[in-house]
Amino acid sequence: MSNITIYTSPTCGFCHMAKEYFKAKKIEFVEKDVSQDAAALEEAVAKSGQMGIPVIDIDGTITVGFNRVEIDAMLAKRAEG
């Protein structure tokens, strides 16, 4: 089971970019569509404290939006641990 979850919406361009980035790096993730899943929306807001998406949860570390530098830093930390 992946310890990476991406909370997305089908109309979110940054969500698509985030998913493609993880796919290109061959990193598995679980996608939760907040437009179809009210519980996923509640999880995303509870984790991030915001309504923005994508919300990316890597081993319990949260980032909102698509920021390659921040994501790479989170993945590097994950690889160290």
N, C-alpha and C. Protein backbone atom coordinates (compact mmCIF):
# COMPACT_ATOMS: atom_id res chain seq x y z
N MET A 1 0.84 -1.19 0.00
CA MET A 1 0.00 0.00 0.00
C MET A 1 0.88 1.24 0.00
N SER A 2 0.53 2.18 -0.85
CA SER A 2 1.28 3.42 -0.97
C SER A 2 1.03 4.31 0.24
N ASN A 3 2.07 5.01 0.67
CA ASN A 3 1.93 5.99 1.73
C ASN A 3 1.85 7.39 1.14
N ILE A 4 1.45 7.47 -0.12
CA ILE A 4 1.27 8.75 -0.79
C ILE A 4 -0.17 8.83 -1.27
N THR A 5 -0.83 9.91 -0.88
CA THR A 5 -2.20 10.15 -1.30
C THR A 5 -2.26 11.53 -1.94
N ILE A 6 -2.92 11.60 -3.09
CA ILE A 6 -3.14 12.88 -3.75
C ILE A 6 -4.65 13.10 -3.82
N TYR A 7 -5.10 14.17 -3.19
CA TYR A 7 -6.51 14.55 -3.22
C TYR A 7 -6.70 15.47 -4.42
N THR A 8 -7.59 15.09 -5.32
CA THR A 8 -7.71 15.75 -6.61
C THR A 8 -9.16 16.06 -6.98
N SER A 9 -9.28 16.72 -8.11
CA SER A 9 -10.56 16.94 -8.78
C SER A 9 -10.28 16.82 -10.28
N PRO A 10 -11.21 16.29 -11.05
CA PRO A 10 -10.96 16.11 -12.48
C PRO A 10 -10.75 17.42 -13.24
N THR A 11 -11.22 18.53 -12.72
CA THR A 11 -11.09 19.81 -13.42
C THR A 11 -9.87 20.62 -12.99
N CYS A 12 -9.04 20.06 -12.12
CA CYS A 12 -7.89 20.77 -11.55
C CYS A 12 -6.63 20.49 -12.37
N GLY A 13 -6.13 21.50 -13.07
CA GLY A 13 -4.93 21.34 -13.88
C GLY A 13 -3.71 20.97 -13.06
N PHE A 14 -3.55 21.58 -11.88
CA PHE A 14 -2.41 21.27 -11.04
C PHE A 14 -2.48 19.84 -10.51
N CYS A 15 -3.69 19.33 -10.32
CA CYS A 15 -3.87 17.94 -9.89
C CYS A 15 -3.35 16.99 -10.98
N HIS A 16 -3.70 17.29 -12.23
CA HIS A 16 -3.23 16.47 -13.34
C HIS A 16 -1.71 16.51 -13.44
N MET A 17 -1.14 17.71 -13.25
CA MET A 17 0.32 17.84 -13.30
C MET A 17 0.98 17.02 -12.19
N ALA A 18 0.41 17.07 -10.99
CA ALA A 18 0.97 16.32 -9.87
C ALA A 18 0.93 14.82 -10.15
N LYS A 19 -0.21 14.33 -10.62
CA LYS A 19 -0.34 12.90 -10.90
C LYS A 19 0.64 12.47 -11.99
N GLU A 20 0.78 13.26 -13.04
CA GLU A 20 1.70 12.93 -14.12
C GLU A 20 3.15 12.95 -13.62
N TYR A 21 3.47 13.86 -12.72
CA TYR A 21 4.81 13.94 -12.17
C TYR A 21 5.16 12.66 -11.40
N PHE A 22 4.23 12.21 -10.55
CA PHE A 22 4.47 10.98 -9.79
C PHE A 22 4.54 9.77 -10.72
N LYS A 23 3.69 9.73 -11.74
CA LYS A 23 3.72 8.63 -12.70
C LYS A 23 5.04 8.60 -13.46
N ALA A 24 5.53 9.78 -13.87
CA ALA A 24 6.79 9.87 -14.60
C ALA A 24 7.96 9.39 -13.75
N LYS A 25 7.87 9.60 -12.44
CA LYS A 25 8.92 9.16 -11.53
C LYS A 25 8.70 7.71 -11.08
N LYS A 26 7.63 7.10 -11.59
CA LYS A 26 7.26 5.71 -11.26
C LYS A 26 7.06 5.52 -9.75
N ILE A 27 6.38 6.51 -9.17
CA ILE A 27 6.07 6.47 -7.73
C ILE A 27 4.57 6.22 -7.59
N GLU A 28 4.24 5.15 -6.87
CA GLU A 28 2.84 4.80 -6.67
C GLU A 28 2.18 5.76 -5.70
N PHE A 29 0.89 6.02 -5.95
CA PHE A 29 0.11 6.87 -5.07
C PHE A 29 -1.34 6.44 -5.13
N VAL A 30 -2.08 6.86 -4.12
CA VAL A 30 -3.52 6.66 -4.09
C VAL A 30 -4.15 7.99 -4.44
N GLU A 31 -5.10 7.97 -5.37
CA GLU A 31 -5.81 9.20 -5.73
C GLU A 31 -7.19 9.19 -5.08
N LYS A 32 -7.54 10.31 -4.48
CA LYS A 32 -8.88 10.48 -3.92
C LYS A 32 -9.51 11.71 -4.55
N ASP A 33 -10.61 11.49 -5.26
CA ASP A 33 -11.31 12.54 -5.98
C ASP A 33 -12.28 13.25 -5.03
N VAL A 34 -11.93 14.46 -4.63
CA VAL A 34 -12.75 15.19 -3.66
C VAL A 34 -14.07 15.66 -4.25
N SER A 35 -14.19 15.66 -5.58
CA SER A 35 -15.45 16.08 -6.20
C SER A 35 -16.50 14.98 -6.12
N GLN A 36 -16.08 13.75 -5.92
CA GLN A 36 -16.99 12.61 -5.87
C GLN A 36 -17.08 11.95 -4.51
N ASP A 37 -16.17 12.31 -3.60
CA ASP A 37 -16.05 11.62 -2.32
C ASP A 37 -16.01 12.65 -1.19
N ALA A 38 -17.14 12.83 -0.50
CA ALA A 38 -17.23 13.83 0.57
C ALA A 38 -16.26 13.53 1.70
N ALA A 39 -16.05 12.26 2.00
CA ALA A 39 -15.11 11.89 3.07
C ALA A 39 -13.69 12.29 2.68
N ALA A 40 -13.34 12.13 1.41
CA ALA A 40 -12.01 12.52 0.93
C ALA A 40 -11.83 14.03 1.03
N LEU A 41 -12.88 14.78 0.72
CA LEU A 41 -12.82 16.23 0.85
C LEU A 41 -12.58 16.62 2.30
N GLU A 42 -13.31 16.00 3.22
CA GLU A 42 -13.12 16.27 4.65
C GLU A 42 -11.69 15.93 5.09
N GLU A 43 -11.16 14.81 4.62
CA GLU A 43 -9.77 14.41 4.94
C GLU A 43 -8.78 15.46 4.46
N ALA A 44 -8.96 15.89 3.20
CA ALA A 44 -8.04 16.86 2.60
C ALA A 44 -8.03 18.16 3.39
N VAL A 45 -9.20 18.65 3.75
CA VAL A 45 -9.31 19.89 4.51
C VAL A 45 -8.72 19.71 5.91
N ALA A 46 -9.00 18.57 6.54
CA ALA A 46 -8.47 18.31 7.88
C ALA A 46 -6.94 18.25 7.86
N LYS A 47 -6.37 17.64 6.81
CA LYS A 47 -4.92 17.50 6.73
C LYS A 47 -4.24 18.82 6.39
N SER A 48 -4.86 19.62 5.50
CA SER A 48 -4.19 20.82 4.99
C SER A 48 -4.64 22.10 5.67
N GLY A 49 -5.84 22.08 6.25
CA GLY A 49 -6.39 23.30 6.82
C GLY A 49 -6.84 24.28 5.75
N GLN A 50 -6.95 23.81 4.51
CA GLN A 50 -7.32 24.66 3.38
C GLN A 50 -8.32 23.95 2.49
N MET A 51 -8.91 24.72 1.58
CA MET A 51 -9.83 24.15 0.59
C MET A 51 -9.14 23.89 -0.75
N GLY A 52 -7.87 24.30 -0.90
CA GLY A 52 -7.17 24.15 -2.18
C GLY A 52 -6.77 22.72 -2.46
N ILE A 53 -6.64 22.41 -3.75
CA ILE A 53 -6.15 21.12 -4.19
C ILE A 53 -5.12 21.34 -5.28
N PRO A 54 -4.27 20.42 -5.58
CA PRO A 54 -4.18 19.12 -4.93
C PRO A 54 -3.61 19.24 -3.53
N VAL A 55 -4.05 18.32 -2.69
CA VAL A 55 -3.41 18.12 -1.39
C VAL A 55 -2.62 16.83 -1.53
N ILE A 56 -1.33 16.92 -1.26
CA ILE A 56 -0.45 15.76 -1.42
C ILE A 56 0.06 15.37 -0.04
N ASP A 57 -0.19 14.14 0.33
CA ASP A 57 0.21 13.58 1.63
C ASP A 57 1.26 12.51 1.36
N ILE A 58 2.50 12.81 1.77
CA ILE A 58 3.59 11.85 1.64
C ILE A 58 4.03 11.46 3.04
N ASP A 59 3.64 10.26 3.44
CA ASP A 59 3.99 9.74 4.76
C ASP A 59 3.59 10.70 5.89
N GLY A 60 2.45 11.38 5.72
CA GLY A 60 1.96 12.27 6.77
C GLY A 60 2.45 13.71 6.65
N THR A 61 3.34 13.99 5.70
CA THR A 61 3.77 15.36 5.45
C THR A 61 2.90 15.90 4.32
N ILE A 62 2.35 17.09 4.53
CA ILE A 62 1.33 17.63 3.62
C ILE A 62 1.88 18.83 2.86
N THR A 63 1.52 18.88 1.58
CA THR A 63 1.73 20.08 0.78
C THR A 63 0.48 20.32 -0.04
N VAL A 64 0.20 21.59 -0.29
CA VAL A 64 -0.96 21.96 -1.09
C VAL A 64 -0.46 22.59 -2.38
N GLY A 65 -1.03 22.16 -3.50
CA GLY A 65 -0.61 22.66 -4.80
C GLY A 65 0.44 21.76 -5.41
N PHE A 66 0.98 22.20 -6.53
CA PHE A 66 1.99 21.41 -7.22
C PHE A 66 3.28 22.21 -7.26
N ASN A 67 4.20 21.85 -6.36
CA ASN A 67 5.49 22.52 -6.25
C ASN A 67 6.55 21.43 -6.33
N ARG A 68 7.19 21.30 -7.51
CA ARG A 68 8.15 20.21 -7.72
C ARG A 68 9.28 20.21 -6.70
N VAL A 69 9.79 21.39 -6.37
CA VAL A 69 10.90 21.48 -5.43
C VAL A 69 10.49 20.94 -4.06
N GLU A 70 9.32 21.33 -3.60
CA GLU A 70 8.83 20.86 -2.31
C GLU A 70 8.54 19.36 -2.34
N ILE A 71 7.93 18.90 -3.41
CA ILE A 71 7.64 17.47 -3.54
C ILE A 71 8.92 16.66 -3.57
N ASP A 72 9.92 17.13 -4.34
CA ASP A 72 11.20 16.42 -4.41
C ASP A 72 11.87 16.36 -3.04
N ALA A 73 11.77 17.45 -2.28
CA ALA A 73 12.36 17.46 -0.93
C ALA A 73 11.64 16.46 -0.02
N MET A 74 10.31 16.38 -0.16
CA MET A 74 9.56 15.43 0.65
C MET A 74 9.92 14.00 0.26
N LEU A 75 10.09 13.74 -1.04
CA LEU A 75 10.45 12.41 -1.50
C LEU A 75 11.87 12.04 -1.08
N ALA A 76 12.78 13.01 -1.08
CA ALA A 76 14.16 12.75 -0.65
C ALA A 76 14.19 12.40 0.82
N LYS A 77 13.42 13.12 1.62
CA LYS A 77 13.35 12.83 3.06
C LYS A 77 12.79 11.43 3.27
N ARG A 78 11.81 11.07 2.46
CA ARG A 78 11.19 9.74 2.55
C ARG A 78 12.23 8.65 2.25
N ALA A 79 13.07 8.90 1.24
CA ALA A 79 14.08 7.93 0.84
C ALA A 79 15.13 7.73 1.92
N GLU A 80 15.41 8.82 2.66
CA GLU A 80 16.40 8.75 3.75
C GLU A 80 15.90 7.91 4.92
N GLY A 81 14.59 8.01 5.17
CA GLY A 81 14.00 7.38 6.34
C GLY A 81 13.72 5.96 6.16
